[in-house]
């Protein structure tokens, strides 16, 4: 689990923190610069949120279909 993220955080927030930690790590070791890190964060986080929300809706619809 990521440093600083609550154990009670939602799975979506935990995933976002893990992805952010990965981006930050790339920046910290010089693989990407801060501008690239900021762009990755600004572009990827909304996409990640939307993908997660869609997955949740699909899971919910599948479970309703099975009932």
N, C-alpha and C. Protein backbone atom coordinates (compact mmCIF):
# COMPACT_ATOMS: atom_id res chain seq x y z
N UNK A 1 0.84 -1.17 0.00
CA UNK A 1 0.00 0.00 0.00
C UNK A 1 0.89 1.24 0.00
N UNK A 2 0.41 2.31 -0.56
CA UNK A 2 1.15 3.55 -0.70
C UNK A 2 1.33 4.23 0.65
N UNK A 3 2.44 4.91 0.79
CA UNK A 3 2.68 5.68 1.99
C UNK A 3 1.68 6.83 2.03
N UNK A 4 1.05 7.04 3.17
CA UNK A 4 0.17 8.17 3.34
C UNK A 4 -1.28 7.92 2.94
N UNK A 5 -1.59 6.77 2.40
CA UNK A 5 -2.97 6.49 2.01
C UNK A 5 -3.62 5.66 3.12
N UNK A 6 -4.80 6.05 3.50
CA UNK A 6 -5.50 5.37 4.59
C UNK A 6 -5.89 3.96 4.19
N UNK A 7 -5.84 3.06 5.15
CA UNK A 7 -6.30 1.70 4.90
C UNK A 7 -7.79 1.69 4.63
N UNK A 8 -8.48 2.73 5.07
CA UNK A 8 -9.93 2.82 4.89
C UNK A 8 -10.31 3.51 3.57
N UNK A 9 -9.32 3.92 2.79
CA UNK A 9 -9.60 4.57 1.52
C UNK A 9 -10.28 3.59 0.57
N UNK A 10 -11.04 4.15 -0.36
CA UNK A 10 -11.71 3.30 -1.34
C UNK A 10 -10.68 2.66 -2.25
N UNK A 11 -11.09 1.59 -2.90
CA UNK A 11 -10.17 0.90 -3.82
C UNK A 11 -9.75 1.83 -4.96
N UNK A 12 -10.66 2.68 -5.40
CA UNK A 12 -10.33 3.63 -6.46
C UNK A 12 -9.23 4.59 -6.00
N UNK A 13 -9.34 5.11 -4.79
CA UNK A 13 -8.33 6.04 -4.26
C UNK A 13 -6.99 5.33 -4.05
N UNK A 14 -7.03 4.07 -3.64
CA UNK A 14 -5.80 3.30 -3.48
C UNK A 14 -5.11 3.09 -4.82
N UNK A 15 -5.89 2.80 -5.86
CA UNK A 15 -5.33 2.62 -7.20
C UNK A 15 -4.72 3.93 -7.70
N UNK A 16 -5.43 5.02 -7.52
CA UNK A 16 -4.91 6.32 -7.94
C UNK A 16 -3.61 6.66 -7.22
N UNK A 17 -3.53 6.35 -5.93
CA UNK A 17 -2.31 6.61 -5.17
C UNK A 17 -1.15 5.76 -5.67
N UNK A 18 -1.44 4.51 -6.01
CA UNK A 18 -0.40 3.62 -6.51
C UNK A 18 0.14 4.11 -7.86
N UNK A 19 -0.76 4.53 -8.74
CA UNK A 19 -0.33 5.04 -10.05
C UNK A 19 0.48 6.33 -9.86
N UNK A 20 0.02 7.20 -8.97
CA UNK A 20 0.75 8.43 -8.71
C UNK A 20 2.14 8.13 -8.14
N UNK A 21 2.24 7.16 -7.25
CA UNK A 21 3.54 6.77 -6.70
C UNK A 21 4.48 6.29 -7.81
N UNK A 22 3.94 5.56 -8.78
CA UNK A 22 4.75 5.09 -9.90
C UNK A 22 5.27 6.28 -10.71
N UNK A 23 4.38 7.22 -11.04
CA UNK A 23 4.80 8.41 -11.78
C UNK A 23 5.84 9.20 -10.99
N UNK A 24 5.60 9.34 -9.69
CA UNK A 24 6.54 10.09 -8.85
C UNK A 24 7.90 9.39 -8.81
N UNK A 25 7.88 8.08 -8.75
CA UNK A 25 9.13 7.33 -8.76
C UNK A 25 9.93 7.55 -10.03
N UNK A 26 9.24 7.57 -11.17
CA UNK A 26 9.92 7.85 -12.44
C UNK A 26 10.56 9.23 -12.41
N UNK A 27 9.85 10.18 -11.84
CA UNK A 27 10.39 11.53 -11.73
C UNK A 27 11.56 11.57 -10.76
N UNK A 28 11.44 10.86 -9.65
CA UNK A 28 12.47 10.90 -8.62
C UNK A 28 13.81 10.34 -9.09
N UNK A 29 13.77 9.34 -9.98
CA UNK A 29 15.02 8.75 -10.45
C UNK A 29 15.49 9.35 -11.77
N UNK A 30 14.79 10.38 -12.24
CA UNK A 30 15.23 11.09 -13.43
C UNK A 30 14.80 10.48 -14.75
N UNK A 31 13.90 9.51 -14.72
CA UNK A 31 13.43 8.92 -15.97
C UNK A 31 12.50 9.87 -16.73
N UNK A 32 11.78 10.69 -15.98
CA UNK A 32 10.94 11.73 -16.57
C UNK A 32 11.16 13.02 -15.78
N UNK A 33 10.95 14.16 -16.42
CA UNK A 33 11.09 15.41 -15.70
C UNK A 33 9.75 15.80 -15.07
N UNK A 34 9.76 16.90 -14.31
CA UNK A 34 8.56 17.29 -13.59
C UNK A 34 7.43 17.67 -14.54
N UNK A 35 7.76 18.28 -15.65
CA UNK A 35 6.74 18.66 -16.62
C UNK A 35 6.02 17.42 -17.15
N UNK A 36 6.80 16.40 -17.47
CA UNK A 36 6.22 15.14 -17.94
C UNK A 36 5.38 14.49 -16.84
N UNK A 37 5.88 14.49 -15.61
CA UNK A 37 5.14 13.95 -14.47
C UNK A 37 3.80 14.65 -14.32
N UNK A 38 3.80 15.98 -14.40
CA UNK A 38 2.57 16.75 -14.26
C UNK A 38 1.58 16.44 -15.37
N UNK A 39 2.09 16.32 -16.60
CA UNK A 39 1.22 15.99 -17.73
C UNK A 39 0.63 14.59 -17.57
N UNK A 40 1.48 13.64 -17.19
CA UNK A 40 0.98 12.27 -16.98
C UNK A 40 -0.14 12.26 -15.94
N UNK A 41 0.10 12.96 -14.85
CA UNK A 41 -0.90 13.01 -13.78
C UNK A 41 -2.20 13.64 -14.28
N UNK A 42 -2.07 14.80 -14.93
CA UNK A 42 -3.26 15.53 -15.38
C UNK A 42 -4.06 14.78 -16.43
N UNK A 43 -3.38 14.01 -17.27
CA UNK A 43 -4.07 13.27 -18.33
C UNK A 43 -4.57 11.92 -17.82
N UNK A 44 -3.74 11.21 -17.08
CA UNK A 44 -4.06 9.83 -16.71
C UNK A 44 -5.07 9.70 -15.57
N UNK A 45 -5.05 10.58 -14.61
CA UNK A 45 -5.95 10.41 -13.46
C UNK A 45 -7.42 10.48 -13.85
N UNK A 46 -7.85 11.45 -14.67
CA UNK A 46 -9.26 11.43 -15.07
C UNK A 46 -9.62 10.17 -15.89
N UNK A 47 -8.70 9.71 -16.73
CA UNK A 47 -8.95 8.50 -17.51
C UNK A 47 -9.05 7.29 -16.58
N UNK A 48 -8.16 7.22 -15.61
CA UNK A 48 -8.18 6.13 -14.64
C UNK A 48 -9.49 6.12 -13.86
N UNK A 49 -9.94 7.30 -13.43
CA UNK A 49 -11.21 7.40 -12.70
C UNK A 49 -12.37 6.93 -13.56
N UNK A 50 -12.40 7.37 -14.81
CA UNK A 50 -13.50 6.98 -15.70
C UNK A 50 -13.50 5.47 -15.96
N UNK A 51 -12.32 4.91 -16.18
CA UNK A 51 -12.23 3.46 -16.40
C UNK A 51 -12.71 2.70 -15.17
N UNK A 52 -12.31 3.15 -14.00
CA UNK A 52 -12.71 2.48 -12.77
C UNK A 52 -14.23 2.55 -12.59
N UNK A 53 -14.79 3.74 -12.85
CA UNK A 53 -16.24 3.91 -12.71
C UNK A 53 -17.00 3.03 -13.70
N UNK A 54 -16.51 2.95 -14.92
CA UNK A 54 -17.16 2.08 -15.92
C UNK A 54 -17.09 0.61 -15.51
N UNK A 55 -15.95 0.21 -14.98
CA UNK A 55 -15.80 -1.17 -14.53
C UNK A 55 -16.79 -1.47 -13.41
N UNK A 56 -16.94 -0.54 -12.49
CA UNK A 56 -17.88 -0.73 -11.39
C UNK A 56 -19.32 -0.85 -11.91
N UNK A 57 -19.68 -0.01 -12.88
CA UNK A 57 -21.02 -0.08 -13.46
C UNK A 57 -21.25 -1.42 -14.15
N UNK A 58 -20.24 -1.90 -14.88
CA UNK A 58 -20.36 -3.19 -15.56
C UNK A 58 -20.50 -4.33 -14.56
N UNK A 59 -19.72 -4.29 -13.49
CA UNK A 59 -19.82 -5.33 -12.46
C UNK A 59 -21.21 -5.32 -11.83
N UNK A 60 -21.71 -4.12 -11.57
CA UNK A 60 -23.03 -4.00 -10.96
C UNK A 60 -24.10 -4.54 -11.92
N UNK A 61 -24.01 -4.19 -13.19
CA UNK A 61 -24.98 -4.66 -14.18
C UNK A 61 -24.92 -6.18 -14.32
N UNK A 62 -23.71 -6.75 -14.30
CA UNK A 62 -23.56 -8.21 -14.40
C UNK A 62 -24.16 -8.91 -13.19
N UNK A 63 -23.95 -8.35 -12.03
CA UNK A 63 -24.49 -8.99 -10.81
C UNK A 63 -26.01 -8.89 -10.78
N UNK A 64 -26.57 -7.79 -11.32
CA UNK A 64 -28.02 -7.66 -11.40
C UNK A 64 -28.60 -8.63 -12.41
N UNK A 65 -27.87 -8.88 -13.50
CA UNK A 65 -28.33 -9.83 -14.53
C UNK A 65 -28.38 -11.25 -13.98
N UNK A 66 -27.46 -11.57 -13.10
CA UNK A 66 -27.40 -12.93 -12.55
C UNK A 66 -28.53 -13.19 -11.56
N UNK A 67 -29.07 -12.14 -10.98
CA UNK A 67 -30.13 -12.31 -9.98
C UNK A 67 -31.42 -12.56 -10.58
